[in-house]
Amino acid sequence: MRLTEDQAQAIVRLARQVAGSQVRVRVFGSRLDDHAHGGDLDIMLELPEAVENPALMAARISAKLSRLMHGRKVDVLLSAPNLMRLPIHDMAFSEGRLL
């Protein structure tokens, strides 16, 4: 995985600040390929409870993580009981790695 241990810990810490202490963070996509270069950061936040404003939460986390990653684009996917599950969720669950 192309994240340092410090970056991974900072991502989890930031996700917990915004989404709560029960959030689980999963990295998926090109960041898992150690031979790739560049690319954005794709993360999925797994939330045990319903999210009131998912678009706002995803945007906040994306912006904060982008600053943490020195301007790199960050795509945030949310998984919560009140949100529709799409094929991208299945891919993130099956191929992603928990931080």
PDB file of N, CA and C in Angstrom:
ATOM      1  N   MET A   1       0.852  -1.173   0.000  1.00  0.00           N
ATOM      2  CA  MET A   1       0.000   0.000   0.000  1.00  0.00           C
ATOM      3  C   MET A   1       0.894   1.230   0.000  1.00  0.00           C
ATOM      4  N   ARG A   2       0.555   2.180  -0.830  1.00  0.00           N
ATOM      5  CA  ARG A   2       1.377   3.373  -0.954  1.00  0.00           C
ATOM      6  C   ARG A   2       0.935   4.491  -0.014  1.00  0.00           C
ATOM      7  N   LEU A   3       0.956   4.165   1.274  1.00  0.00           N
ATOM      8  CA  LEU A   3       0.764   5.144   2.340  1.00  0.00           C
ATOM      9  C   LEU A   3       1.776   4.810   3.422  1.00  0.00           C
ATOM     10  N   THR A   4       2.337   5.837   4.016  1.00  0.00           N
ATOM     11  CA  THR A   4       3.228   5.581   5.142  1.00  0.00           C
ATOM     12  C   THR A   4       2.372   5.269   6.372  1.00  0.00           C
ATOM     13  N   GLU A   5       2.990   4.702   7.375  1.00  0.00           N
ATOM     14  CA  GLU A   5       2.278   4.418   8.621  1.00  0.00           C
ATOM     15  C   GLU A   5       1.758   5.714   9.244  1.00  0.00           C
ATOM     16  N   ASP A   6       2.554   6.777   9.172  1.00  0.00           N
ATOM     17  CA  ASP A   6       2.121   8.076   9.705  1.00  0.00           C
ATOM     18  C   ASP A   6       0.903   8.599   8.949  1.00  0.00           C
ATOM     19  N   GLN A   7       0.907   8.462   7.621  1.00  0.00           N
ATOM     20  CA  GLN A   7      -0.236   8.910   6.833  1.00  0.00           C
ATOM     21  C   GLN A   7      -1.480   8.095   7.183  1.00  0.00           C
ATOM     22  N   ALA A   8      -1.323   6.783   7.289  1.00  0.00           N
ATOM     23  CA  ALA A   8      -2.462   5.924   7.620  1.00  0.00           C
ATOM     24  C   ALA A   8      -3.052   6.302   8.976  1.00  0.00           C
ATOM     25  N   GLN A   9      -2.201   6.527   9.958  1.00  0.00           N
ATOM     26  CA  GLN A   9      -2.686   6.909  11.291  1.00  0.00           C
ATOM     27  C   GLN A   9      -3.368   8.267  11.255  1.00  0.00           C
ATOM     28  N   ALA A  10      -2.819   9.201  10.489  1.00  0.00           N
ATOM     29  CA  ALA A  10      -3.418  10.535  10.383  1.00  0.00           C
ATOM     30  C   ALA A  10      -4.786  10.462   9.692  1.00  0.00           C
ATOM     31  N   ILE A  11      -4.920   9.603   8.697  1.00  0.00           N
ATOM     32  CA  ILE A  11      -6.195   9.434   7.998  1.00  0.00           C
ATOM     33  C   ILE A  11      -7.254   8.902   8.963  1.00  0.00           C
ATOM     34  N   VAL A  12      -6.913   7.897   9.729  1.00  0.00           N
ATOM     35  CA  VAL A  12      -7.860   7.323  10.698  1.00  0.00           C
ATOM     36  C   VAL A  12      -8.217   8.357  11.758  1.00  0.00           C
ATOM     37  N   ARG A  13      -7.238   9.070  12.261  1.00  0.00           N
ATOM     38  CA  ARG A  13      -7.474  10.090  13.289  1.00  0.00           C
ATOM     39  C   ARG A  13      -8.437  11.166  12.762  1.00  0.00           C
ATOM     40  N   LEU A  14      -8.197  11.631  11.546  1.00  0.00           N
ATOM     41  CA  LEU A  14      -9.050  12.662  10.956  1.00  0.00           C
ATOM     42  C   LEU A  14     -10.464  12.128  10.723  1.00  0.00           C
ATOM     43  N   ALA A  15     -10.574  10.892  10.232  1.00  0.00           N
ATOM     44  CA  ALA A  15     -11.897  10.306   9.995  1.00  0.00           C
ATOM     45  C   ALA A  15     -12.679  10.210  11.299  1.00  0.00           C
ATOM     46  N   ARG A  16     -12.010   9.850  12.376  1.00  0.00           N
ATOM     47  CA  ARG A  16     -12.683   9.748  13.680  1.00  0.00           C
ATOM     48  C   ARG A  16     -13.105  11.109  14.196  1.00  0.00           C
ATOM     49  N   GLN A  17     -12.327  12.139  13.918  1.00  0.00           N
ATOM     50  CA  GLN A  17     -12.701  13.494  14.344  1.00  0.00           C
ATOM     51  C   GLN A  17     -13.982  13.940  13.651  1.00  0.00           C
ATOM     52  N   VAL A  18     -14.106  13.616  12.372  1.00  0.00           N
ATOM     53  CA  VAL A  18     -15.257  14.077  11.592  1.00  0.00           C
ATOM     54  C   VAL A  18     -16.452  13.129  11.709  1.00  0.00           C
ATOM     55  N   ALA A  19     -16.194  11.817  11.666  1.00  0.00           N
ATOM     56  CA  ALA A  19     -17.283  10.842  11.574  1.00  0.00           C
ATOM     57  C   ALA A  19     -17.555  10.078  12.866  1.00  0.00           C
ATOM     58  N   GLY A  20     -16.749  10.264  13.885  1.00  0.00           N
ATOM     59  CA  GLY A  20     -16.977   9.579  15.151  1.00  0.00           C
ATOM     60  C   GLY A  20     -16.016   8.426  15.383  1.00  0.00           C
ATOM     61  N   SER A  21     -15.931   8.019  16.624  1.00  0.00           N
ATOM     62  CA  SER A  21     -14.927   7.037  17.035  1.00  0.00           C
ATOM     63  C   SER A  21     -15.201   5.626  16.519  1.00  0.00           C
ATOM     64  N   GLN A  22     -16.414   5.345  16.070  1.00  0.00           N
ATOM     65  CA  GLN A  22     -16.741   3.994  15.598  1.00  0.00           C
ATOM     66  C   GLN A  22     -16.477   3.785  14.108  1.00  0.00           C
ATOM     67  N   VAL A  23     -16.050   4.825  13.412  1.00  0.00           N
ATOM     68  CA  VAL A  23     -15.815   4.712  11.969  1.00  0.00           C
ATOM     69  C   VAL A  23     -14.654   3.758  11.683  1.00  0.00           C
ATOM     70  N   ARG A  24     -14.804   2.996  10.621  1.00  0.00           N
ATOM     71  CA  ARG A  24     -13.721   2.149  10.115  1.00  0.00           C
ATOM     72  C   ARG A  24     -13.324   2.719   8.764  1.00  0.00           C
ATOM     73  N   VAL A  25     -12.023   2.781   8.504  1.00  0.00           N
ATOM     74  CA  VAL A  25     -11.509   3.382   7.270  1.00  0.00           C
ATOM     75  C   VAL A  25     -10.894   2.293   6.412  1.00  0.00           C
ATOM     76  N   ARG A  26     -11.314   2.237   5.171  1.00  0.00           N
ATOM     77  CA  ARG A  26     -10.818   1.243   4.222  1.00  0.00           C
ATOM     78  C   ARG A  26     -10.249   1.964   3.006  1.00  0.00           C
ATOM     79  N   VAL A  27      -9.012   1.649   2.642  1.00  0.00           N
ATOM     80  CA  VAL A  27      -8.384   2.185   1.435  1.00  0.00           C
ATOM     81  C   VAL A  27      -8.604   1.184   0.312  1.00  0.00           C
ATOM     82  N   PHE A  28      -8.952   1.681  -0.866  1.00  0.00           N
ATOM     83  CA  PHE A  28      -9.114   0.804  -2.020  1.00  0.00           C
ATOM     84  C   PHE A  28      -8.604   1.543  -3.254  1.00  0.00           C
ATOM     85  N   GLY A  29      -8.567   0.872  -4.371  1.00  0.00           N
ATOM     86  CA  GLY A  29      -8.133   1.494  -5.612  1.00  0.00           C
ATOM     87  C   GLY A  29      -6.627   1.451  -5.801  1.00  0.00           C
ATOM     88  N   SER A  30      -6.121   2.418  -6.555  1.00  0.00           N
ATOM     89  CA  SER A  30      -4.727   2.402  -7.002  1.00  0.00           C
ATOM     90  C   SER A  30      -3.707   2.522  -5.874  1.00  0.00           C
ATOM     91  N   ARG A  31      -4.093   3.056  -4.741  1.00  0.00           N
ATOM     92  CA  ARG A  31      -3.147   3.178  -3.614  1.00  0.00           C
ATOM     93  C   ARG A  31      -2.697   1.826  -3.076  1.00  0.00           C
ATOM     94  N   LEU A  32      -3.422   0.778  -3.395  1.00  0.00           N
ATOM     95  CA  LEU A  32      -3.044  -0.553  -2.931  1.00  0.00           C
ATOM     96  C   LEU A  32      -1.966  -1.187  -3.808  1.00  0.00           C
ATOM     97  N   ASP A  33      -1.740  -0.616  -4.982  1.00  0.00           N
ATOM     98  CA  ASP A  33      -0.755  -1.148  -5.925  1.00  0.00           C
ATOM     99  C   ASP A  33       0.607  -0.520  -5.649  1.00  0.00           C
ATOM    100  N   ASP A  34       1.507  -1.308  -5.065  1.00  0.00           N
ATOM    101  CA  ASP A  34       2.834  -0.798  -4.708  1.00  0.00           C
ATOM    102  C   ASP A  34       3.678  -0.426  -5.921  1.00  0.00           C
ATOM    103  N   HIS A  35       3.306  -0.894  -7.106  1.00  0.00           N
ATOM    104  CA  HIS A  35       4.099  -0.629  -8.304  1.00  0.00           C
ATOM    105  C   HIS A  35       3.586   0.580  -9.082  1.00  0.00           C
ATOM    106  N   ALA A  36       2.437   1.090  -8.720  1.00  0.00           N
ATOM    107  CA  ALA A  36       1.857   2.246  -9.410  1.00  0.00           C
ATOM    108  C   ALA A  36       2.503   3.533  -8.895  1.00  0.00           C
ATOM    109  N   HIS A  37       2.280   4.599  -9.620  1.00  0.00           N
ATOM    110  CA  HIS A  37       2.785   5.922  -9.231  1.00  0.00           C
ATOM    111  C   HIS A  37       1.646   6.920  -9.329  1.00  0.00           C
ATOM    112  N   GLY A  38       1.688   7.929  -8.455  1.00  0.00           N
ATOM    113  CA  GLY A  38       0.675   8.983  -8.505  1.00  0.00           C
ATOM    114  C   GLY A  38      -0.702   8.451  -8.160  1.00  0.00           C
ATOM    115  N   GLY A  39      -1.696   9.119  -8.692  1.00  0.00           N
ATOM    116  CA  GLY A  39      -3.068   8.696  -8.475  1.00  0.00           C
ATOM    117  C   GLY A  39      -3.679   9.314  -7.233  1.00  0.00           C
ATOM    118  N   ASP A  40      -4.995   9.213  -7.182  1.00  0.00           N
ATOM    119  CA  ASP A  40      -5.715   9.775  -6.047  1.00  0.00           C
ATOM    120  C   ASP A  40      -5.769   8.772  -4.906  1.00  0.00           C
ATOM    121  N   LEU A  41      -6.376   9.181  -3.816  1.00  0.00           N
ATOM    122  CA  LEU A  41      -6.582   8.325  -2.659  1.00  0.00           C
ATOM    123  C   LEU A  41      -8.069   8.012  -2.589  1.00  0.00           C
ATOM    124  N   ASP A  42      -8.408   6.732  -2.630  1.00  0.00           N
ATOM    125  CA  ASP A  42      -9.797   6.293  -2.526  1.00  0.00           C
ATOM    126  C   ASP A  42      -9.988   5.658  -1.159  1.00  0.00           C
ATOM    127  N   ILE A  43     -10.915   6.212  -0.378  1.00  0.00           N
ATOM    128  CA  ILE A  43     -11.199   5.623   0.931  1.00  0.00           C
ATOM    129  C   ILE A  43     -12.704   5.430   1.089  1.00  0.00           C
ATOM    130  N   MET A  44     -13.039   4.427   1.876  1.00  0.00           N
ATOM    131  CA  MET A  44     -14.433   4.216   2.240  1.00  0.00           C
ATOM    132  C   MET A  44     -14.518   4.272   3.758  1.00  0.00           C
ATOM    133  N   LEU A  45     -15.458   5.037   4.243  1.00  0.00           N
ATOM    134  CA  LEU A  45     -15.719   5.111   5.673  1.00  0.00           C
ATOM    135  C   LEU A  45     -16.928   4.238   5.976  1.00  0.00           C
ATOM    136  N   GLU A  46     -16.738   3.299   6.872  1.00  0.00           N
ATOM    137  CA  GLU A  46     -17.811   2.402   7.284  1.00  0.00           C
ATOM    138  C   GLU A  46     -18.369   2.922   8.605  1.00  0.00           C
ATOM    139  N   LEU A  47     -19.629   3.336   8.566  1.00  0.00           N
ATOM    140  CA  LEU A  47     -20.269   3.937   9.729  1.00  0.00           C
ATOM    141  C   LEU A  47     -21.377   3.018  10.233  1.00  0.00           C
ATOM    142  N   PRO A  48     -21.423   2.757  11.546  1.00  0.00           N
ATOM    143  CA  PRO A  48     -22.417   1.841  12.085  1.00  0.00           C
ATOM    144  C   PRO A  48     -23.814   2.443  12.209  1.00  0.00           C
ATOM    145  N   GLU A  49     -23.915   3.767  12.151  1.00  0.00           N
ATOM    146  CA  GLU A  49     -25.204   4.442  12.313  1.00  0.00           C
ATOM    147  C   GLU A  49     -25.506   5.302  11.097  1.00  0.00           C
ATOM    148  N   ALA A  50     -26.754   5.687  10.968  1.00  0.00           N
ATOM    149  CA  ALA A  50     -27.198   6.518   9.856  1.00  0.00           C
ATOM    150  C   ALA A  50     -26.439   7.849   9.838  1.00  0.00           C
ATOM    151  N   VAL A  51     -26.240   8.363   8.641  1.00  0.00           N
ATOM    152  CA  VAL A  51     -25.554   9.642   8.447  1.00  0.00           C
ATOM    153  C   VAL A  51     -26.590  10.663   7.993  1.00  0.00           C
ATOM    154  N   GLU A  52     -26.682  11.779   8.724  1.00  0.00           N
ATOM    155  CA  GLU A  52     -27.685  12.800   8.400  1.00  0.00           C
ATOM    156  C   GLU A  52     -27.396  13.517   7.090  1.00  0.00           C
ATOM    157  N   ASN A  53     -26.186  13.949   6.897  1.00  0.00           N
ATOM    158  CA  ASN A  53     -25.841  14.693   5.696  1.00  0.00           C
ATOM    159  C   ASN A  53     -24.582  14.083   5.074  1.00  0.00           C
ATOM    160  N   PRO A  54     -24.738  12.986   4.322  1.00  0.00           N
ATOM    161  CA  PRO A  54     -23.578  12.275   3.801  1.00  0.00           C
ATOM    162  C   PRO A  54     -22.723  13.094   2.843  1.00  0.00           C
ATOM    163  N   ALA A  55     -23.339  13.933   2.021  1.00  0.00           N
ATOM    164  CA  ALA A  55     -22.557  14.732   1.069  1.00  0.00           C
ATOM    165  C   ALA A  55     -21.630  15.694   1.807  1.00  0.00           C
ATOM    166  N   LEU A  56     -22.143  16.328   2.848  1.00  0.00           N
ATOM    167  CA  LEU A  56     -21.329  17.261   3.619  1.00  0.00           C
ATOM    168  C   LEU A  56     -20.196  16.535   4.336  1.00  0.00           C
ATOM    169  N   MET A  57     -20.507  15.389   4.937  1.00  0.00           N
ATOM    170  CA  MET A  57     -19.470  14.624   5.637  1.00  0.00           C
ATOM    171  C   MET A  57     -18.369  14.199   4.669  1.00  0.00           C
ATOM    172  N   ALA A  58     -18.741  13.667   3.516  1.00  0.00           N
ATOM    173  CA  ALA A  58     -17.747  13.227   2.533  1.00  0.00           C
ATOM    174  C   ALA A  58     -16.905  14.399   2.033  1.00  0.00           C
ATOM    175  N   ALA A  59     -17.538  15.537   1.805  1.00  0.00           N
ATOM    176  CA  ALA A  59     -16.810  16.714   1.324  1.00  0.00           C
ATOM    177  C   ALA A  59     -15.826  17.223   2.372  1.00  0.00           C
ATOM    178  N   ARG A  60     -16.244  17.264   3.622  1.00  0.00           N
ATOM    179  CA  ARG A  60     -15.349  17.722   4.699  1.00  0.00           C
ATOM    180  C   ARG A  60     -14.125  16.826   4.814  1.00  0.00           C
ATOM    181  N   ILE A  61     -14.370  15.527   4.832  1.00  0.00           N
ATOM    182  CA  ILE A  61     -13.261  14.589   4.972  1.00  0.00           C
ATOM    183  C   ILE A  61     -12.350  14.654   3.755  1.00  0.00           C
ATOM    184  N   SER A  62     -12.927  14.733   2.580  1.00  0.00           N
ATOM    185  CA  SER A  62     -12.123  14.821   1.362  1.00  0.00           C
ATOM    186  C   SER A  62     -11.225  16.052   1.379  1.00  0.00           C
ATOM    187  N   ALA A  63     -11.776  17.194   1.752  1.00  0.00           N
ATOM    188  CA  ALA A  63     -10.986  18.435   1.787  1.00  0.00           C
ATOM    189  C   ALA A  63      -9.868  18.359   2.825  1.00  0.00           C
ATOM    190  N   LYS A  64     -10.185  17.859   3.993  1.00  0.00           N
ATOM    191  CA  LYS A  64      -9.166  17.767   5.048  1.00  0.00           C
ATOM    192  C   LYS A  64      -8.073  16.769   4.676  1.00  0.00           C
ATOM    193  N   LEU A  65      -8.461  15.634   4.107  1.00  0.00           N
ATOM    194  CA  LEU A  65      -7.463  14.648   3.706  1.00  0.00           C
ATOM    195  C   LEU A  65      -6.624  15.135   2.533  1.00  0.00           C
ATOM    196  N   SER A  66      -7.229  15.889   1.639  1.00  0.00           N
ATOM    197  CA  SER A  66      -6.470  16.450   0.525  1.00  0.00           C
ATOM    198  C   SER A  66      -5.366  17.370   1.036  1.00  0.00           C
ATOM    199  N   ARG A  67      -5.679  18.177   2.031  1.00  0.00           N
ATOM    200  CA  ARG A  67      -4.646  19.037   2.630  1.00  0.00           C
ATOM    201  C   ARG A  67      -3.574  18.192   3.310  1.00  0.00           C
ATOM    202  N   LEU A  68      -3.985  17.162   4.013  1.00  0.00           N
ATOM    203  CA  LEU A  68      -3.049  16.256   4.678  1.00  0.00           C
ATOM    204  C   LEU A  68      -2.118  15.576   3.665  1.00  0.00           C
ATOM    205  N   MET A  69      -2.655  15.267   2.483  1.00  0.00           N
ATOM    206  CA  MET A  69      -1.902  14.572   1.438  1.00  0.00           C
ATOM    207  C   MET A  69      -1.283  15.553   0.435  1.00  0.00           C
ATOM    208  N   HIS A  70      -1.059  16.796   0.868  1.00  0.00           N
ATOM    209  CA  HIS A  70      -0.376  17.821   0.064  1.00  0.00           C
ATOM    210  C   HIS A  70      -1.070  18.086  -1.269  1.00  0.00           C
ATOM    211  N   GLY A  71      -2.397  18.164  -1.237  1.00  0.00           N
ATOM    212  CA  GLY A  71      -3.160  18.540  -2.424  1.00  0.00           C
ATOM    213  C   GLY A  71      -3.602  17.384  -3.297  1.00  0.00           C
ATOM    214  N   ARG A  72      -3.232  16.175  -2.943  1.00  0.00           N
ATOM    215  CA  ARG A  72      -3.651  15.013  -3.735  1.00  0.00           C
ATOM    216  C   ARG A  72      -5.166  14.878  -3.667  1.00  0.00           C
ATOM    217  N   LYS A  73      -5.771  14.472  -4.779  1.00  0.00           N
ATOM    218  CA  LYS A  73      -7.217  14.282  -4.842  1.00  0.00           C
ATOM    219  C   LYS A  73      -7.606  13.095  -3.967  1.00  0.00           C
ATOM    220  N   VAL A  74      -8.679  13.266  -3.188  1.00  0.00           N
ATOM    221  CA  VAL A  74      -9.161  12.222  -2.290  1.00  0.00           C
ATOM    222  C   VAL A  74     -10.642  11.978  -2.580  1.00  0.00           C
ATOM    223  N   ASP A  75     -10.964  10.739  -2.914  1.00  0.00           N
ATOM    224  CA  ASP A  75     -12.357  10.345  -3.122  1.00  0.00           C
ATOM    225  C   ASP A  75     -12.833   9.612  -1.878  1.00  0.00           C
ATOM    226  N   VAL A  76     -13.970  10.041  -1.350  1.00  0.00           N
ATOM    227  CA  VAL A  76     -14.516   9.460  -0.121  1.00  0.00           C
ATOM    228  C   VAL A  76     -15.853   8.798  -0.426  1.00  0.00           C
ATOM    229  N   LEU A  77     -15.951   7.538  -0.070  1.00  0.00           N
ATOM    230  CA  LEU A  77     -17.161   6.753  -0.211  1.00  0.00           C
ATOM    231  C   LEU A  77     -17.664   6.439   1.199  1.00  0.00           C
ATOM    232  N   LEU A  78     -18.961   6.580   1.418  1.00  0.00           N
ATOM    233  CA  LEU A  78     -19.533   6.296   2.726  1.00  0.00           C
ATOM    234  C   LEU A  78     -20.390   5.038   2.668  1.00  0.00           C
ATOM    235  N   SER A  79     -20.283   4.240   3.702  1.00  0.00           N
ATOM    236  CA  SER A  79     -21.142   3.071   3.872  1.00  0.00           C
ATOM    237  C   SER A  79     -21.817   3.203   5.231  1.00  0.00           C
ATOM    238  N   ALA A  80     -23.142   3.304   5.211  1.00  0.00           N
ATOM    239  CA  ALA A  80     -23.925   3.462   6.436  1.00  0.00           C
ATOM    240  C   ALA A  80     -25.289   2.808   6.226  1.00  0.00           C
ATOM    241  N   PRO A  81     -25.969   2.453   7.307  1.00  0.00           N
ATOM    242  CA  PRO A  81     -27.260   1.751   7.192  1.00  0.00           C
ATOM    243  C   PRO A  81     -28.312   2.488   6.359  1.00  0.00           C
ATOM    244  N   ASN A  82     -28.274   3.809   6.337  1.00  0.00           N
ATOM    245  CA  ASN A  82     -29.289   4.568   5.608  1.00  0.00           C
ATOM    246  C   ASN A  82     -28.878   4.940   4.185  1.00  0.00           C
ATOM    247  N   LEU A  83     -27.721   4.472   3.737  1.00  0.00           N
ATOM    248  CA  LEU A  83     -27.246   4.835   2.400  1.00  0.00           C
ATOM    249  C   LEU A  83     -27.339   3.645   1.448  1.00  0.00           C
ATOM    250  N   MET A  84     -27.650   3.956   0.187  1.00  0.00           N
ATOM    251  CA  MET A  84     -27.756   2.920  -0.826  1.00  0.00           C
ATOM    252  C   MET A  84     -26.392   2.259  -1.052  1.00  0.00           C
ATOM    253  N   ARG A  85     -26.406   0.955  -1.193  1.00  0.00           N
ATOM    254  CA  ARG A  85     -25.164   0.221  -1.477  1.00  0.00           C
ATOM    255  C   ARG A  85     -25.064   0.027  -2.984  1.00  0.00           C
ATOM    256  N   LEU A  86     -23.933   0.427  -3.526  1.00  0.00           N
ATOM    257  CA  LEU A  86     -23.685   0.372  -4.961  1.00  0.00           C
ATOM    258  C   LEU A  86     -22.561  -0.614  -5.257  1.00  0.00           C
ATOM    259  N   PRO A  87     -22.360  -0.958  -6.524  1.00  0.00           N
ATOM    260  CA  PRO A  87     -21.262  -1.872  -6.874  1.00  0.00           C
ATOM    261  C   PRO A  87     -19.888  -1.394  -6.402  1.00  0.00           C
ATOM    262  N   ILE A  88     -19.668  -0.088  -6.335  1.00  0.00           N
ATOM    263  CA  ILE A  88     -18.378   0.433  -5.853  1.00  0.00           C
ATOM    264  C   ILE A  88     -18.159   0.039  -4.390  1.00  0.00           C
ATOM    265  N   HIS A  89     -19.224  -0.048  -3.612  1.00  0.00           N
ATOM    266  CA  HIS A  89     -19.112  -0.488  -2.221  1.00  0.00           C
ATOM    267  C   HIS A  89     -18.632  -1.941  -2.165  1.00  0.00           C
ATOM    268  N   ASP A  90     -19.213  -2.787  -3.031  1.00  0.00           N
ATOM    269  CA  ASP A  90     -18.809  -4.191  -3.058  1.00  0.00           C
ATOM    270  C   ASP A  90     -17.323  -4.316  -3.387  1.00  0.00           C
ATOM    271  N   MET A  91     -16.861  -3.510  -4.348  1.00  0.00           N
ATOM    272  CA  MET A  91     -15.450  -3.538  -4.716  1.00  0.00           C
ATOM    273  C   MET A  91     -14.579  -3.079  -3.545  1.00  0.00           C
ATOM    274  N   ALA A  92     -14.977  -2.008  -2.880  1.00  0.00           N
ATOM    275  CA  ALA A  92     -14.196  -1.492  -1.752  1.00  0.00           C
ATOM    276  C   ALA A  92     -14.138  -2.510  -0.607  1.00  0.00           C
ATOM    277  N   PHE A  93     -15.261  -3.184  -0.345  1.00  0.00           N
ATOM    278  CA  PHE A  93     -15.273  -4.200   0.721  1.00  0.00           C
ATOM    279  C   PHE A  93     -14.401  -5.396   0.344  1.00  0.00           C
ATOM    280  N   SER A  94     -14.460  -5.831  -0.895  1.00  0.00           N
ATOM    281  CA  SER A  94     -13.737  -7.048  -1.277  1.00  0.00           C
ATOM    282  C   SER A  94     -12.256  -6.802  -1.527  1.00  0.00           C
ATOM    283  N   GLU A  95     -11.905  -5.649  -2.078  1.00  0.00           N
ATOM    284  CA  GLU A  95     -10.507  -5.393  -2.453  1.00  0.00           C
ATOM    285  C   GLU A  95      -9.790  -4.443  -1.496  1.00  0.00           C
ATOM    286  N   GLY A  96     -10.549  -3.696  -0.709  1.00  0.00           N
ATOM    287  CA  GLY A  96      -9.953  -2.682   0.157  1.00  0.00           C
ATOM    288  C   GLY A  96      -9.227  -3.249   1.353  1.00  0.00           C
ATOM    289  N   ARG A  97      -8.463  -2.378   1.968  1.00  0.00           N
ATOM    290  CA  ARG A  97      -7.687  -2.764   3.155  1.00  0.00           C
ATOM    291  C   ARG A  97      -8.012  -1.813   4.293  1.00  0.00           C
ATOM    292  N   LEU A  98      -8.346  -2.369   5.448  1.00  0.00           N
ATOM    293  CA  LEU A  98      -8.649  -1.552   6.619  1.00  0.00           C
ATOM    294  C   LEU A  98      -7.387  -0.886   7.149  1.00  0.00           C
ATOM    295  N   LEU A  99      -7.542   0.362   7.569  1.00  0.00           N
ATOM    296  CA  LEU A  99      -6.439   1.064   8.220  1.00  0.00           C
ATOM    297  C   LEU A  99      -6.608   0.937   9.720  1.00  0.00           C
TER     298      LEU A  99
END
